[in-house]
Amino acid sequence: MILCSDDSLYTGITTDLQRRFAQHKNKKGARYFYGREPLKIVFTECANDRSSASKREYEIKHYSRIKKLALID
């Protein structure tokens, strides 16, 4: 999860965390970052394969902000 300049939390999946974060910083990643800046990575989790990572991403994206913040803590 990435904390953004507008205090929102972005959730996504990748095989290379630092590369993907750099892409977001350089506006070559998700459209979500058009108009907001990625500040820092606040939560990571490892998955065994892309399928399980996608399922977990979907689950986290549907969490409330309060639940996401609890996950970060």
C-alpha atoms as a PDB file:
ATOM      1  CA  MET A   1       0.000   0.000   0.000  1.00  0.00           C
ATOM      2  CA  ILE A   2       1.241   3.459  -0.844  1.00  0.00           C
ATOM      3  CA  LEU A   3       0.399   6.619   1.062  1.00  0.00           C
ATOM      4  CA  CYS A   4      -0.411   9.439  -1.352  1.00  0.00           C
ATOM      5  CA  SER A   5      -0.096  13.219  -1.136  1.00  0.00           C
ATOM      6  CA  ASP A   6      -3.876  13.568  -0.736  1.00  0.00           C
ATOM      7  CA  ASP A   7      -3.715  11.163   2.260  1.00  0.00           C
ATOM      8  CA  SER A   8      -5.342   8.367   0.252  1.00  0.00           C
ATOM      9  CA  LEU A   9      -4.019   4.795   0.219  1.00  0.00           C
ATOM     10  CA  TYR A  10      -3.253   3.030  -3.059  1.00  0.00           C
ATOM     11  CA  THR A  11      -3.212  -0.765  -3.226  1.00  0.00           C
ATOM     12  CA  GLY A  12      -1.634  -2.721  -6.056  1.00  0.00           C
ATOM     13  CA  ILE A  13       0.477  -5.778  -6.873  1.00  0.00           C
ATOM     14  CA  THR A  14       3.931  -6.132  -8.404  1.00  0.00           C
ATOM     15  CA  THR A  15       6.874  -8.485  -8.653  1.00  0.00           C
ATOM     16  CA  ASP A  16       9.365  -5.639  -8.082  1.00  0.00           C
ATOM     17  CA  LEU A  17       8.289  -3.186  -5.412  1.00  0.00           C
ATOM     18  CA  GLN A  18      11.017  -0.562  -5.862  1.00  0.00           C
ATOM     19  CA  ARG A  19      10.687  -0.528  -9.672  1.00  0.00           C
ATOM     20  CA  ARG A  20       6.911  -0.129  -9.463  1.00  0.00           C
ATOM     21  CA  PHE A  21       7.137   2.641  -6.873  1.00  0.00           C
ATOM     22  CA  ALA A  22       9.617   4.486  -9.120  1.00  0.00           C
ATOM     23  CA  GLN A  23       7.189   4.114 -12.043  1.00  0.00           C
ATOM     24  CA  HIS A  24       4.418   5.645  -9.957  1.00  0.00           C
ATOM     25  CA  LYS A  25       6.734   8.510  -8.899  1.00  0.00           C
ATOM     26  CA  ASN A  26       7.578   9.147 -12.575  1.00  0.00           C
ATOM     27  CA  LYS A  27       3.898   9.072 -13.676  1.00  0.00           C
ATOM     28  CA  LYS A  28       4.477   5.892 -15.693  1.00  0.00           C
ATOM     29  CA  GLY A  29       2.379   3.684 -13.422  1.00  0.00           C
ATOM     30  CA  ALA A  30      -1.303   3.665 -12.554  1.00  0.00           C
ATOM     31  CA  ARG A  31      -3.571   6.527 -13.606  1.00  0.00           C
ATOM     32  CA  TYR A  32      -4.473   6.812  -9.937  1.00  0.00           C
ATOM     33  CA  PHE A  33      -1.335   8.920  -9.521  1.00  0.00           C
ATOM     34  CA  TYR A  34      -2.335  11.539 -12.075  1.00  0.00           C
ATOM     35  CA  GLY A  35      -3.047  14.496  -9.819  1.00  0.00           C
ATOM     36  CA  ARG A  36      -1.611  12.952  -6.653  1.00  0.00           C
ATOM     37  CA  GLU A  37       1.904  12.024  -5.613  1.00  0.00           C
ATOM     38  CA  PRO A  38       2.963   8.686  -4.119  1.00  0.00           C
ATOM     39  CA  LEU A  39       4.770   9.528  -0.856  1.00  0.00           C
ATOM     40  CA  LYS A  40       5.879   6.241   0.652  1.00  0.00           C
ATOM     41  CA  ILE A  41       5.222   2.529   0.834  1.00  0.00           C
ATOM     42  CA  VAL A  42       3.361   1.882   4.088  1.00  0.00           C
ATOM     43  CA  PHE A  43       2.450  -1.807   3.846  1.00  0.00           C
ATOM     44  CA  THR A  44       3.654  -4.850   1.930  1.00  0.00           C
ATOM     45  CA  GLU A  45       2.700  -8.493   1.850  1.00  0.00           C
ATOM     46  CA  CYS A  46       4.165 -11.423  -0.064  1.00  0.00           C
ATOM     47  CA  ALA A  47       2.071 -13.925  -2.008  1.00  0.00           C
ATOM     48  CA  ASN A  48       2.904 -17.338  -3.469  1.00  0.00           C
ATOM     49  CA  ASP A  49       1.624 -16.519  -6.958  1.00  0.00           C
ATOM     50  CA  ARG A  50      -0.075 -13.821  -9.014  1.00  0.00           C
ATOM     51  CA  SER A  51      -3.523 -15.334  -8.548  1.00  0.00           C
ATOM     52  CA  SER A  52      -3.371 -15.219  -4.754  1.00  0.00           C
ATOM     53  CA  ALA A  53      -1.830 -11.727  -4.906  1.00  0.00           C
ATOM     54  CA  SER A  54      -4.715 -10.504  -7.077  1.00  0.00           C
ATOM     55  CA  LYS A  55      -7.292 -12.006  -4.720  1.00  0.00           C
ATOM     56  CA  ARG A  56      -5.638 -10.368  -1.722  1.00  0.00           C
ATOM     57  CA  GLU A  57      -5.410  -7.026  -3.560  1.00  0.00           C
ATOM     58  CA  TYR A  58      -9.130  -7.202  -4.338  1.00  0.00           C
ATOM     59  CA  GLU A  59      -9.874  -7.973  -0.692  1.00  0.00           C
ATOM     60  CA  ILE A  60      -7.771  -5.077   0.639  1.00  0.00           C
ATOM     61  CA  LYS A  61      -9.181  -2.623  -1.915  1.00  0.00           C
ATOM     62  CA  HIS A  62     -12.625  -3.280  -0.447  1.00  0.00           C
ATOM     63  CA  TYR A  63     -11.528  -2.601   3.131  1.00  0.00           C
ATOM     64  CA  SER A  64     -12.665   0.596   4.790  1.00  0.00           C
ATOM     65  CA  ARG A  65     -10.004   3.218   5.421  1.00  0.00           C
ATOM     66  CA  ILE A  66     -10.101   2.360   9.132  1.00  0.00           C
ATOM     67  CA  LYS A  67      -9.437  -1.308   8.389  1.00  0.00           C
ATOM     68  CA  LYS A  68      -6.594  -0.402   5.996  1.00  0.00           C
ATOM     69  CA  LEU A  69      -4.985   1.788   8.667  1.00  0.00           C
ATOM     70  CA  ALA A  70      -5.295  -1.050  11.187  1.00  0.00           C
ATOM     71  CA  LEU A  71      -3.587  -3.370   8.700  1.00  0.00           C
ATOM     72  CA  ILE A  72      -0.733  -0.881   8.352  1.00  0.00           C
ATOM     73  CA  ASP A  73      -0.291  -0.729  12.133  1.00  0.00           C
END
